[in-house]
Amino acid sequence: MTKRHMGIRAAFWLSAVLLGASLNVGAASSRDEAKAEKTAEHDKMVLIPAGKFLFGKDDKKVEIDLPAFMIDKYEVTNRQFARFNLDHKYDADMGDLPVTMVSQIDARNHCEALDKRLPTEQEWEKAARGTDGRVYPWGNKFDLTAAVTSETDFGKHPPHPMPVGSRQKGKSPFGVMDMSGNVWEWTNSSEGRYFLIKGGSFFEDRDYAAVTSKLLSIPDDSKDYIGFRCAISVK
């Protein structure tokens, strides 16, 4: 091979390497931009206006008047939680999943780090069902495509949470996502030494996915089916 051909070949390979590096940088940049956009979307909060709504169910349903507040549009994700909890580790493909294995204390501390707080049971329920006393965020009849529950088709995989916002049909009248199924959510309401969790999860069926369903748990308990979202009072 002549020196000229060797020079051309070397130049060709150098160009290929530089092009590949450029493409990789461009791809990485696009991924970073997409991740930033998704994070910004997941950081959004929704205004729940002041006023009355129907709280509770059946013969225990009552009308309650609440002041205005804002609540996270989505459940707090692994990626969001790790921004303020540096020891929180998760697989790369789990960044948009709701964070779990967090106690009520962990959840409360995270919200407070953002100058937010956990919602009360009444606030959570109003954000989930609107004002008309409906059973699910979308209405009174269960819809398999609107929530992630134990009845969801997970294929060959065991039941598990889905990325936040993946059930668009399940949004509440105010536009809040995943308030039925996916993961239970901590509130700041308590009965004795136990705190209330709301909304059902991938682990239970449609009955637990009703907006009025609730369980009680000690504040330092943590499970792989319990997450949270934050709220802010509006003056």
Protein backbone atom coordinates (compact mmCIF):
# COMPACT_ATOMS: atom_id res chain seq x y z
CA MET A 1 0.00 0.00 0.00
CA THR A 2 1.37 3.41 -0.96
CA LYS A 3 1.88 6.18 1.55
CA ARG A 4 -0.87 8.10 -0.24
CA HIS A 5 -3.36 5.24 0.21
CA MET A 6 -2.26 4.78 3.81
CA GLY A 7 -2.87 8.49 4.39
CA ILE A 8 -6.32 8.32 2.80
CA ARG A 9 -7.20 5.22 4.85
CA ALA A 10 -5.99 6.84 8.08
CA ALA A 11 -7.97 9.98 7.29
CA PHE A 12 -11.04 7.84 6.57
CA TRP A 13 -10.82 6.01 9.90
CA LEU A 14 -10.15 9.24 11.77
CA SER A 15 -13.23 10.79 10.18
CA ALA A 16 -15.28 7.72 11.08
CA VAL A 17 -14.11 7.85 14.68
CA LEU A 18 -14.85 11.57 14.92
CA LEU A 19 -18.25 11.08 13.30
CA GLY A 20 -19.05 8.25 15.68
CA ALA A 21 -18.00 10.34 18.64
CA SER A 22 -20.10 13.21 17.35
CA LEU A 23 -23.13 10.95 16.92
CA ASN A 24 -22.64 9.51 20.39
CA VAL A 25 -22.40 12.99 21.86
CA GLY A 26 -25.52 14.01 19.94
CA ALA A 27 -27.41 10.92 21.10
CA ALA A 28 -26.32 11.48 24.68
CA SER A 29 -27.35 15.11 24.44
CA SER A 30 -30.78 14.10 23.08
CA ARG A 31 -31.20 11.59 25.89
CA ASP A 32 -30.23 14.21 28.46
CA GLU A 33 -32.69 16.69 26.99
CA ALA A 34 -35.47 14.11 26.98
CA LYS A 35 -34.69 13.20 30.58
CA ALA A 36 -34.69 16.87 31.59
CA GLU A 37 -38.06 17.42 29.89
CA LYS A 38 -39.53 14.37 31.61
CA THR A 39 -38.16 15.46 34.98
CA ALA A 40 -39.64 18.94 34.50
CA GLU A 41 -42.99 17.36 33.66
CA HIS A 42 -42.85 15.13 36.74
CA ASP A 43 -42.09 18.15 38.93
CA LYS A 44 -45.41 19.79 38.04
CA MET A 45 -48.06 20.48 40.63
CA VAL A 46 -51.82 20.89 40.18
CA LEU A 47 -53.98 23.54 41.83
CA ILE A 48 -56.99 22.14 43.68
CA PRO A 49 -59.34 25.10 44.16
CA ALA A 50 -61.03 25.95 47.45
CA GLY A 51 -64.53 24.64 47.91
CA LYS A 52 -66.74 21.76 48.90
CA PHE A 53 -66.55 18.13 47.85
CA LEU A 54 -68.09 14.79 48.83
CA PHE A 55 -65.77 12.85 51.15
CA GLY A 56 -66.13 9.22 52.22
CA LYS A 57 -68.48 6.57 50.88
CA ASP A 58 -71.96 5.11 51.16
CA ASP A 59 -73.92 6.30 54.21
CA LYS A 60 -70.78 7.88 55.67
CA LYS A 61 -70.37 10.29 52.76
CA VAL A 62 -70.21 13.90 53.94
CA GLU A 63 -69.67 17.30 52.35
CA ILE A 64 -66.39 18.94 53.36
CA ASP A 65 -65.12 22.43 52.58
CA LEU A 66 -61.36 22.68 52.01
CA PRO A 67 -59.11 25.69 51.33
CA ALA A 68 -57.12 25.73 48.10
CA PHE A 69 -53.93 23.69 47.87
CA MET A 70 -51.55 22.31 45.30
CA ILE A 71 -50.56 18.67 44.91
CA ASP A 72 -47.94 16.86 42.83
CA LYS A 73 -49.36 15.82 39.48
CA TYR A 74 -47.45 12.54 39.70
CA GLU A 75 -46.21 10.19 42.38
CA VAL A 76 -42.62 11.01 43.37
CA THR A 77 -40.26 9.00 41.15
CA ASN A 78 -36.98 7.28 41.91
CA ARG A 79 -35.15 9.98 39.97
CA GLN A 80 -36.82 12.80 41.91
CA PHE A 81 -36.27 11.14 45.27
CA ALA A 82 -32.57 10.57 44.55
CA ARG A 83 -32.03 14.28 43.92
CA PHE A 84 -32.52 14.96 47.63
CA ASN A 85 -31.66 11.52 49.02
CA LEU A 86 -28.20 10.80 47.64
CA ASP A 87 -28.02 7.30 49.10
CA HIS A 88 -31.10 6.19 47.16
CA LYS A 89 -30.01 3.77 44.43
CA TYR A 90 -32.07 2.37 41.56
CA ASP A 91 -31.55 0.68 38.20
CA ALA A 92 -31.20 3.02 35.23
CA ASP A 93 -34.49 1.89 33.69
CA MET A 94 -36.43 2.54 36.90
CA GLY A 95 -35.99 6.32 37.06
CA ASP A 96 -39.61 7.05 36.12
CA LEU A 97 -41.13 4.46 38.42
CA PRO A 98 -42.69 5.70 41.66
CA VAL A 99 -40.25 5.49 44.52
CA THR A 100 -41.17 2.79 47.05
CA MET A 101 -39.65 1.33 50.21
CA VAL A 102 -40.00 4.76 51.81
CA SER A 103 -41.47 5.24 55.26
CA GLN A 104 -43.90 7.99 56.15
CA ILE A 105 -40.97 9.67 57.87
CA ASP A 106 -38.85 9.46 54.69
CA ALA A 107 -41.71 10.83 52.62
CA ARG A 108 -42.37 13.67 55.04
CA ASN A 109 -38.69 14.63 55.12
CA HIS A 110 -38.48 14.65 51.32
CA CYS A 111 -41.50 16.94 51.02
CA GLU A 112 -40.16 19.27 53.70
CA ALA A 113 -36.82 19.51 51.87
CA LEU A 114 -38.82 21.00 48.98
CA ASP A 115 -40.83 23.32 51.27
CA LYS A 116 -43.81 21.06 50.73
CA ARG A 117 -45.69 18.60 52.94
CA LEU A 118 -47.67 15.39 52.70
CA PRO A 119 -51.36 15.87 51.86
CA THR A 120 -54.08 15.12 54.39
CA GLU A 121 -56.50 12.29 53.70
CA GLN A 122 -59.20 14.81 52.77
CA GLU A 123 -56.92 16.73 50.40
CA TRP A 124 -55.74 13.53 48.77
CA GLU A 125 -59.30 12.33 48.24
CA LYS A 126 -60.50 15.62 46.76
CA ALA A 127 -57.56 15.70 44.34
CA ALA A 128 -58.39 12.12 43.34
CA ARG A 129 -62.17 12.27 42.88
CA GLY A 130 -63.14 15.88 42.27
CA THR A 131 -66.30 17.21 43.91
CA ASP A 132 -69.06 14.78 42.89
CA GLY A 133 -68.27 11.77 45.08
CA ARG A 134 -67.22 9.40 42.31
CA VAL A 135 -65.70 6.00 43.14
CA TYR A 136 -62.65 6.22 40.87
CA PRO A 137 -60.82 9.25 39.47
CA TRP A 138 -62.48 8.71 36.05
CA GLY A 139 -65.97 7.78 37.23
CA ASN A 140 -68.00 5.13 39.06
CA LYS A 141 -67.19 2.08 36.93
CA PHE A 142 -63.81 0.37 37.10
CA ASP A 143 -61.71 0.51 33.90
CA LEU A 144 -58.85 -1.98 33.56
CA THR A 145 -57.00 0.39 31.23
CA ALA A 146 -57.14 3.34 33.65
CA ALA A 147 -55.21 1.94 36.63
CA VAL A 148 -52.36 -0.41 37.47
CA THR A 149 -53.76 -3.07 39.80
CA SER A 150 -53.33 -6.80 40.38
CA GLU A 151 -55.83 -7.25 37.52
CA THR A 152 -53.47 -5.57 35.02
CA ASP A 153 -51.96 -7.83 32.35
CA PHE A 154 -48.28 -8.00 33.30
CA GLY A 155 -47.47 -10.72 30.78
CA LYS A 156 -45.00 -13.23 32.17
CA HIS A 157 -43.87 -10.83 34.90
CA PRO A 158 -45.22 -10.67 38.45
CA PRO A 159 -47.31 -7.58 39.34
CA HIS A 160 -45.21 -4.42 39.55
CA PRO A 161 -45.60 -0.61 39.40
CA MET A 162 -45.55 1.20 36.07
CA PRO A 163 -43.87 4.52 35.16
CA VAL A 164 -45.83 7.44 36.57
CA GLY A 165 -48.42 8.87 34.20
CA SER A 166 -48.60 5.71 32.09
CA ARG A 167 -52.38 5.43 32.58
CA GLN A 168 -53.66 8.60 30.95
CA LYS A 169 -57.29 7.46 31.16
CA GLY A 170 -56.94 7.33 34.93
CA LYS A 171 -56.39 11.04 35.54
CA SER A 172 -58.60 12.76 38.09
CA PRO A 173 -61.08 15.57 37.29
CA PHE A 174 -58.29 18.00 38.24
CA GLY A 175 -55.72 16.23 36.03
CA VAL A 176 -53.81 14.45 38.81
CA MET A 177 -52.32 11.12 37.73
CA ASP A 178 -52.08 7.63 39.26
CA MET A 179 -54.38 8.20 42.21
CA SER A 180 -55.95 4.81 41.65
CA GLY A 181 -53.57 1.85 41.77
CA ASN A 182 -49.86 1.79 40.92
CA VAL A 183 -48.65 2.37 44.52
CA TRP A 184 -50.32 3.27 47.79
CA GLU A 185 -49.52 6.80 48.95
CA TRP A 186 -48.68 8.15 52.37
CA THR A 187 -50.76 10.96 53.82
CA ASN A 188 -50.21 13.12 56.89
CA SER A 189 -53.47 11.97 58.49
CA SER A 190 -53.32 9.53 61.36
CA GLU A 191 -55.44 7.41 63.63
CA GLY A 192 -53.58 6.98 66.89
CA ARG A 193 -50.02 5.90 66.10
CA TYR A 194 -50.93 4.79 62.58
CA PHE A 195 -50.83 6.91 59.40
CA LEU A 196 -53.22 6.52 56.49
CA ILE A 197 -52.17 5.39 53.04
CA LYS A 198 -54.50 5.87 50.08
CA GLY A 199 -55.25 4.73 46.56
CA GLY A 200 -54.48 1.01 46.21
CA SER A 201 -51.58 -0.44 44.27
CA PHE A 202 -50.41 -2.97 41.69
CA PHE A 203 -50.60 -5.52 44.52
CA GLU A 204 -54.38 -5.27 45.09
CA ASP A 205 -57.53 -5.43 42.95
CA ARG A 206 -60.12 -2.83 41.87
CA ASP A 207 -61.82 -2.62 45.27
CA TYR A 208 -58.68 -1.20 46.85
CA ALA A 209 -58.21 1.14 43.86
CA ALA A 210 -61.33 3.11 44.85
CA VAL A 211 -60.44 6.63 46.01
CA THR A 212 -62.06 6.03 49.39
CA SER A 213 -59.95 2.96 50.18
CA LYS A 214 -57.31 3.29 52.87
CA LEU A 215 -54.98 1.29 55.05
CA LEU A 216 -53.13 2.11 58.25
CA SER A 217 -49.41 1.71 58.85
CA ILE A 218 -46.82 2.75 61.41
CA PRO A 219 -44.75 5.78 60.27
CA ASP A 220 -41.43 3.94 60.05
CA ASP A 221 -42.83 1.09 57.95
CA SER A 222 -41.73 0.74 54.32
CA LYS A 223 -43.04 -1.56 51.59
CA ASP A 224 -42.42 -2.09 47.88
CA TYR A 225 -46.00 -1.06 47.14
CA ILE A 226 -46.08 2.25 49.08
CA GLY A 227 -44.95 5.61 47.67
CA PHE A 228 -46.12 9.21 48.05
CA ARG A 229 -46.65 12.64 46.55
CA CYS A 230 -46.35 16.10 48.13
CA ALA A 231 -48.70 19.04 48.59
CA ILE A 232 -48.49 22.78 49.34
CA SER A 233 -50.98 25.05 51.07
CA VAL A 234 -52.18 28.00 48.99
CA LYS A 235 -52.75 31.32 50.76
